[in-house]
Amino acid sequence: MLRDLIYTGGALDRAADRRTDAAWVAACRAAPTTRVLPVWRERNLFVLGESPASVALSGDAARAALDVAEVSALLGVDSDGVAWFAAGIGIGIGIGDDGDRPAYDGVDGTRYADLRRFGAILPAAEASALAYARGMVHWHRRHRHCGTCGSPTLDAEGGHLRVCAAAGCGAQHFPRTDPAVIMLVTRPGPAVIMLVTRPGPAGGACLLARQSRWPKGMMSTLAGFVEPGENLEEAVIREVAEETDVRVGAVRYRGSQPWPFPSSLMIGFRAEADPEAQIVFDHQELETAGWFTRAELEGFEDRGLFLPRADSIARRLVDEWIAEG
């Protein structure tokens, strides 16, 4: 089983039983000890340098961020009883838009940056809190209007609920996470009779593919969203067949990872194909796909290829398979 995946290991008590108390949430917002994680254009605030670190605002800086935030959400309470909030700064601006400065600059020496640049090198609880903040702000940004009647929505329950403002509707909308399966498909190598007592590397190959929109040279595992009316294993089997025409048998769960880029839960599997399985990939889905042995993965860079970033469950699935050899 995959352990210690990046963006897991959150240390905050999410205070689900207390965030329905508006007075308690208001008191938390005003408390001088409260910490705030600002998010601007879906980027978190960091101090950059030799050892990048995230920035949690406190005191006057925390109150200033909450004052200018278009949305905020109570993330929870830490072991010292300190409340933590996410503050969405400039959420009405498109991610790809150019601009001079965010509405709130943070503090001197800081910069808003993509969490994925640093996720793998941050302490687990820190990376988890930043991902949590990013995901909550993204959800608020996308749900400012009711999906039932189109009227504006208002936040409630410490930012964990949006309620339609229309008197005749009043629909409730909760933070959304989209389940997606991600799987490393492997096939066994030919049977070999070992003539020595110390076995060599395991045989077989894994299936990697790339989409045209990815960085040039990056190869990764297959993945796809779960559709209505299917369980996770069925989603794995369907996605592999749709994208590569490969039929898989044994499907084994390996672990899950929150992935707020923007709003998914990645559920990781290993899936086994027939030793003779051939790939016929869907050109609308994939640019290329192929089987790769462990030895070929060792020479990836020589071929201008590379695996996903170390913070992803995709990379962990591949690394796990390589280690088995």
Protein backbone atom coordinates (compact mmCIF):
# COMPACT_ATOMS: atom_id res chain seq x y z
CA MET A 1 0.00 0.00 0.00
CA LEU A 2 1.26 3.48 -0.81
CA ARG A 3 2.00 5.49 2.33
CA ASP A 4 2.71 9.14 3.08
CA LEU A 5 1.35 10.50 -0.20
CA ILE A 6 1.89 14.22 -0.65
CA TYR A 7 -1.07 16.45 0.39
CA THR A 8 -2.21 13.83 2.91
CA GLY A 9 -1.45 13.87 6.64
CA GLY A 10 -3.50 16.91 7.60
CA ALA A 11 -3.15 17.87 11.26
CA LEU A 12 -6.11 20.25 11.65
CA ASP A 13 -9.30 19.36 13.48
CA ARG A 14 -11.86 20.44 10.87
CA ALA A 15 -14.30 21.40 13.64
CA ALA A 16 -17.35 20.19 11.71
CA ASP A 17 -19.42 20.20 14.89
CA ARG A 18 -18.59 23.85 15.67
CA ARG A 19 -18.47 25.63 12.32
CA THR A 20 -22.29 25.70 12.21
CA ASP A 21 -22.12 28.18 15.12
CA ALA A 22 -21.85 31.57 13.38
CA ALA A 23 -20.89 33.36 16.61
CA TRP A 24 -18.03 30.93 17.26
CA VAL A 25 -16.75 31.29 13.68
CA ALA A 26 -16.90 35.10 13.99
CA ALA A 27 -14.93 34.94 17.23
CA CYS A 28 -12.31 32.79 15.53
CA ARG A 29 -11.99 35.32 12.70
CA ALA A 30 -11.39 38.13 15.18
CA ALA A 31 -8.99 36.26 17.48
CA PRO A 32 -5.43 37.70 17.47
CA THR A 33 -3.96 34.19 17.27
CA THR A 34 -5.89 33.17 14.14
CA ARG A 35 -3.76 32.06 11.18
CA VAL A 36 -4.68 32.67 7.54
CA LEU A 37 -3.53 30.93 4.37
CA PRO A 38 -4.16 33.35 1.47
CA VAL A 39 -4.83 32.05 -2.03
CA TRP A 40 -4.52 34.31 -5.08
CA ARG A 41 -5.37 33.04 -8.58
CA GLU A 42 -5.18 29.52 -7.11
CA ARG A 43 -1.63 30.11 -5.91
CA ASN A 44 -0.43 29.89 -2.32
CA LEU A 45 1.86 32.32 -0.53
CA PHE A 46 5.52 31.33 -0.03
CA VAL A 47 8.83 32.66 1.10
CA LEU A 48 11.15 31.62 -1.73
CA GLY A 49 14.85 30.86 -1.51
CA GLU A 50 17.10 27.92 -0.78
CA SER A 51 14.47 26.42 1.52
CA PRO A 52 11.02 27.53 0.31
CA ALA A 53 8.38 27.72 3.05
CA SER A 54 4.70 28.50 3.07
CA VAL A 55 3.37 31.62 4.78
CA ALA A 56 0.61 31.52 7.37
CA LEU A 57 -0.42 35.07 8.21
CA SER A 58 -1.15 36.08 11.79
CA GLY A 59 -2.10 39.19 13.75
CA ASP A 60 -2.78 42.34 11.71
CA ALA A 61 -1.70 40.64 8.48
CA ALA A 62 -4.24 37.86 9.01
CA ARG A 63 -7.07 40.31 9.70
CA ALA A 64 -6.10 42.38 6.65
CA ALA A 65 -6.24 39.30 4.42
CA LEU A 66 -9.67 38.29 5.75
CA ASP A 67 -10.94 41.88 5.31
CA VAL A 68 -10.07 41.98 1.59
CA ALA A 69 -10.86 38.32 0.84
CA GLU A 70 -13.76 37.75 -1.52
CA VAL A 71 -14.36 34.38 0.14
CA SER A 72 -13.00 32.69 3.23
CA ALA A 73 -13.33 29.28 4.82
CA LEU A 74 -12.55 27.93 8.25
CA LEU A 75 -10.05 25.13 7.72
CA GLY A 76 -10.09 23.96 11.31
CA VAL A 77 -8.32 24.25 14.63
CA ASP A 78 -4.79 23.09 15.41
CA SER A 79 -3.57 21.23 18.51
CA ASP A 80 -3.04 24.55 20.32
CA GLY A 81 -6.65 25.62 19.72
CA VAL A 82 -5.68 28.17 17.07
CA ALA A 83 -8.16 28.63 14.22
CA TRP A 84 -6.94 28.50 10.62
CA PHE A 85 -8.71 30.09 7.65
CA ALA A 86 -8.30 30.13 3.89
CA ALA A 87 -8.71 33.57 2.29
CA GLY A 88 -9.51 33.82 -1.41
CA ILE A 89 -7.93 36.98 -2.80
CA GLY A 90 -9.02 38.11 -6.26
CA ILE A 91 -11.01 34.99 -7.04
CA GLY A 92 -12.94 36.82 -9.74
CA ILE A 93 -9.79 37.07 -11.88
CA GLY A 94 -9.05 34.26 -14.32
CA ILE A 95 -6.09 32.04 -13.53
CA GLY A 96 -4.40 32.84 -16.82
CA ASP A 97 -4.99 36.60 -16.71
CA ASP A 98 -2.05 38.94 -16.42
CA GLY A 99 -1.98 41.48 -13.64
CA ASP A 100 0.42 43.65 -11.70
CA ARG A 101 -0.20 42.65 -8.11
CA PRO A 102 -2.80 40.73 -6.12
CA ALA A 103 -5.35 42.72 -4.14
CA TYR A 104 -3.44 41.80 -1.01
CA ASP A 105 0.35 41.41 -1.33
CA GLY A 106 0.97 39.40 1.81
CA VAL A 107 4.16 40.39 3.60
CA ASP A 108 7.60 41.50 2.47
CA GLY A 109 9.75 38.84 0.86
CA THR A 110 6.83 36.62 -0.13
CA ARG A 111 5.42 35.53 -3.45
CA TYR A 112 2.35 33.68 -4.66
CA ALA A 113 3.36 30.48 -6.44
CA ASP A 114 1.98 27.15 -7.67
CA LEU A 115 1.80 24.70 -4.79
CA ARG A 116 3.02 21.86 -7.02
CA ARG A 117 6.45 23.51 -7.26
CA PHE A 118 7.07 22.84 -3.57
CA GLY A 119 4.55 20.22 -2.42
CA ALA A 120 7.03 17.35 -2.37
CA ILE A 121 9.54 19.19 -0.15
CA LEU A 122 7.15 20.67 2.41
CA PRO A 123 6.27 19.01 5.73
CA ALA A 124 3.22 16.78 5.29
CA ALA A 125 0.84 18.79 7.47
CA GLU A 126 1.91 22.02 5.76
CA ALA A 127 1.39 20.70 2.22
CA SER A 128 -1.97 19.23 3.27
CA ALA A 129 -3.21 22.55 4.72
CA LEU A 130 -2.16 24.48 1.60
CA ALA A 131 -3.94 21.99 -0.66
CA TYR A 132 -7.02 22.18 1.55
CA ALA A 133 -7.03 25.98 1.36
CA ARG A 134 -6.55 25.95 -2.42
CA GLY A 135 -9.38 23.47 -2.90
CA MET A 136 -11.84 25.41 -0.76
CA VAL A 137 -11.14 28.70 -2.51
CA HIS A 138 -11.51 27.04 -5.93
CA TRP A 139 -14.89 25.60 -4.93
CA HIS A 140 -16.15 28.99 -3.74
CA ARG A 141 -14.91 30.58 -6.98
CA ARG A 142 -16.91 28.13 -9.08
CA HIS A 143 -20.13 28.13 -7.04
CA ARG A 144 -21.07 31.76 -6.58
CA HIS A 145 -24.35 31.05 -8.37
CA CYS A 146 -26.90 28.34 -7.70
CA GLY A 147 -26.74 25.36 -10.04
CA THR A 148 -30.51 24.89 -9.60
CA CYS A 149 -31.92 28.34 -10.38
CA GLY A 150 -28.91 30.54 -11.20
CA SER A 151 -29.37 32.98 -8.32
CA PRO A 152 -26.41 34.17 -6.22
CA THR A 153 -25.32 31.95 -3.35
CA LEU A 154 -24.23 32.99 0.15
CA ASP A 155 -21.60 31.21 2.23
CA ALA A 156 -22.50 29.62 5.57
CA GLU A 157 -21.12 27.19 8.14
CA GLY A 158 -17.67 28.72 8.18
CA GLY A 159 -17.41 28.59 4.40
CA HIS A 160 -18.30 24.89 4.07
CA LEU A 161 -21.74 25.54 2.63
CA ARG A 162 -23.21 27.88 0.03
CA VAL A 163 -26.95 28.53 0.14
CA CYS A 164 -29.02 29.91 -2.71
CA ALA A 165 -30.21 33.42 -1.86
CA ALA A 166 -33.48 33.05 -3.79
CA ALA A 167 -36.42 32.72 -1.40
CA GLY A 168 -38.15 30.18 -3.59
CA CYS A 169 -35.08 27.99 -3.94
CA GLY A 170 -32.71 27.90 -0.98
CA ALA A 171 -30.71 25.01 -2.45
CA GLN A 172 -27.65 24.00 -0.46
CA HIS A 173 -24.30 23.39 -2.14
CA PHE A 174 -21.43 21.61 -0.41
CA PRO A 175 -17.72 21.52 -1.33
CA ARG A 176 -17.25 19.28 -4.31
CA THR A 177 -14.59 16.64 -4.91
CA ASP A 178 -14.55 14.66 -8.15
CA PRO A 179 -13.44 11.01 -7.79
CA ALA A 180 -10.93 9.91 -10.41
CA VAL A 181 -9.18 6.57 -10.81
CA ILE A 182 -5.50 6.50 -11.69
CA MET A 183 -3.84 3.19 -12.53
CA LEU A 184 -0.53 1.69 -13.44
CA VAL A 185 -1.19 -1.11 -15.90
CA THR A 186 1.46 -3.83 -15.91
CA ARG A 187 1.97 -7.05 -17.79
CA PRO A 188 4.21 -9.91 -16.65
CA GLY A 189 7.36 -10.91 -18.48
CA PRO A 190 7.93 -14.35 -20.02
CA ALA A 191 8.38 -17.24 -17.61
CA VAL A 192 12.06 -17.85 -16.85
CA ILE A 193 13.63 -20.80 -15.01
CA MET A 194 16.26 -19.38 -12.70
CA LEU A 195 19.48 -21.41 -12.55
CA VAL A 196 20.96 -19.44 -9.66
CA THR A 197 19.71 -19.09 -6.12
CA ARG A 198 19.78 -15.29 -6.27
CA PRO A 199 17.08 -14.03 -8.69
CA GLY A 200 17.67 -11.09 -10.98
CA PRO A 201 15.32 -8.15 -11.65
CA ALA A 202 11.69 -8.98 -12.16
CA GLY A 203 10.53 -8.96 -15.77
CA GLY A 204 7.46 -7.41 -17.32
CA ALA A 205 6.57 -3.91 -18.39
CA CYS A 206 4.28 -1.05 -17.41
CA LEU A 207 1.99 0.98 -19.63
CA LEU A 208 2.70 4.71 -19.83
CA ALA A 209 1.09 7.31 -22.05
CA ARG A 210 1.00 11.05 -22.68
CA GLN A 211 -1.54 13.66 -23.66
CA SER A 212 -0.58 16.39 -26.11
CA ARG A 213 -1.26 19.16 -23.56
CA TRP A 214 1.33 17.82 -21.12
CA PRO A 215 4.91 19.14 -20.95
CA LYS A 216 6.96 17.78 -23.83
CA GLY A 217 8.45 14.38 -23.01
CA MET A 218 6.35 13.60 -19.93
CA MET A 219 4.91 10.09 -19.75
CA SER A 220 2.47 9.04 -17.04
CA THR A 221 -0.09 6.50 -15.97
CA LEU A 222 -3.64 6.32 -17.27
CA ALA A 223 -6.40 8.08 -15.36
CA GLY A 224 -10.01 9.15 -15.71
CA PHE A 225 -13.08 10.29 -13.83
CA VAL A 226 -15.55 7.84 -12.33
CA GLU A 227 -18.87 7.90 -14.18
CA PRO A 228 -22.36 7.52 -12.67
CA GLY A 229 -23.42 3.94 -12.15
CA GLU A 230 -19.98 2.32 -11.86
CA ASN A 231 -17.70 1.39 -9.01
CA LEU A 232 -14.00 2.20 -8.87
CA GLU A 233 -12.80 -1.12 -10.28
CA GLU A 234 -15.23 -0.86 -13.18
CA ALA A 235 -13.96 2.66 -13.87
CA VAL A 236 -10.38 1.35 -14.05
CA ILE A 237 -11.32 -1.41 -16.49
CA ARG A 238 -13.36 0.96 -18.67
CA GLU A 239 -10.78 3.75 -18.81
CA VAL A 240 -7.92 1.41 -19.74
CA ALA A 241 -9.99 -0.20 -22.49
CA GLU A 242 -11.26 3.12 -23.85
CA GLU A 243 -7.85 4.74 -24.04
CA THR A 244 -5.62 1.82 -25.07
CA ASP A 245 -7.85 -1.15 -26.01
CA VAL A 246 -6.04 -3.16 -23.33
CA ARG A 247 -8.17 -5.50 -21.23
CA VAL A 248 -7.13 -5.83 -17.59
CA GLY A 249 -7.99 -8.51 -15.07
CA ALA A 250 -6.79 -8.16 -11.49
CA VAL A 251 -7.33 -4.63 -10.15
CA ARG A 252 -5.71 -3.80 -6.79
CA TYR A 253 -6.22 -0.66 -4.72
CA ARG A 254 -2.94 1.06 -3.78
CA GLY A 255 -3.93 4.32 -2.09
CA SER A 256 -5.67 7.68 -2.55
CA GLN A 257 -4.55 11.29 -2.71
CA PRO A 258 -6.42 14.59 -2.49
CA TRP A 259 -5.65 16.51 -5.67
CA PRO A 260 -7.01 20.07 -5.58
CA PHE A 261 -5.71 20.88 -9.06
CA PRO A 262 -8.47 21.84 -9.21
CA SER A 263 -10.86 19.53 -7.30
CA SER A 264 -10.21 15.80 -7.52
CA LEU A 265 -9.58 12.80 -5.31
CA MET A 266 -7.14 10.48 -7.09
CA ILE A 267 -7.77 6.83 -6.24
CA GLY A 268 -4.78 4.73 -7.21
CA PHE A 269 -4.78 1.17 -8.52
CA ARG A 270 -2.51 -1.43 -10.07
CA ALA A 271 -4.13 -3.30 -12.96
CA GLU A 272 -2.69 -6.41 -14.63
CA ALA A 273 -2.93 -7.11 -18.35
CA ASP A 274 -2.21 -10.24 -20.36
CA PRO A 275 1.49 -10.81 -21.19
CA GLU A 276 0.71 -10.40 -24.89
CA ALA A 277 -1.54 -7.35 -24.53
CA GLN A 278 -1.08 -4.88 -27.39
CA ILE A 279 -1.88 -1.18 -27.26
CA VAL A 280 -4.21 0.50 -29.73
CA PHE A 281 -4.56 3.97 -28.30
CA ASP A 282 -7.29 6.54 -28.91
CA HIS A 283 -5.64 9.49 -30.69
CA GLN A 284 -8.33 11.83 -29.36
CA GLU A 285 -7.36 10.89 -25.81
CA LEU A 286 -3.63 10.23 -26.12
CA GLU A 287 -0.71 11.43 -28.18
CA THR A 288 1.21 8.21 -27.64
CA ALA A 289 1.36 5.17 -25.36
CA GLY A 290 3.65 2.20 -24.91
CA TRP A 291 5.01 -0.59 -22.74
CA PHE A 292 8.21 0.15 -20.81
CA THR A 293 10.47 -2.20 -18.90
CA ARG A 294 12.33 -1.17 -15.77
CA ALA A 295 15.55 -1.00 -17.75
CA GLU A 296 13.93 1.34 -20.26
CA LEU A 297 12.70 3.61 -17.47
CA GLU A 298 16.26 3.90 -16.18
CA GLY A 299 17.24 5.39 -19.55
CA PHE A 300 14.23 7.67 -19.88
CA GLU A 301 16.21 10.91 -19.81
CA ASP A 302 18.47 9.72 -22.61
CA ARG A 303 15.35 9.47 -24.78
CA GLY A 304 14.07 12.92 -23.82
CA LEU A 305 11.36 11.44 -21.61
CA PHE A 306 10.53 11.90 -17.94
CA LEU A 307 8.03 10.76 -15.32
CA PRO A 308 5.48 12.97 -13.45
CA ARG A 309 6.51 15.17 -10.52
CA ALA A 310 7.37 13.52 -7.23
CA ASP A 311 4.28 14.96 -5.50
CA SER A 312 1.86 12.90 -7.63
CA ILE A 313 0.38 9.48 -6.94
CA ALA A 314 1.15 8.68 -10.58
CA ARG A 315 4.87 8.90 -9.82
CA ARG A 316 4.47 6.85 -6.66
CA LEU A 317 2.68 4.08 -8.56
CA VAL A 318 5.54 3.87 -11.04
CA ASP A 319 8.23 4.09 -8.36
CA GLU A 320 6.53 1.30 -6.39
CA TRP A 321 6.60 -0.97 -9.44
CA ILE A 322 10.24 -0.16 -10.19
CA ALA A 323 11.20 -0.95 -6.58
CA GLU A 324 9.64 -4.39 -6.86
CA GLY A 325 12.31 -5.24 -9.43
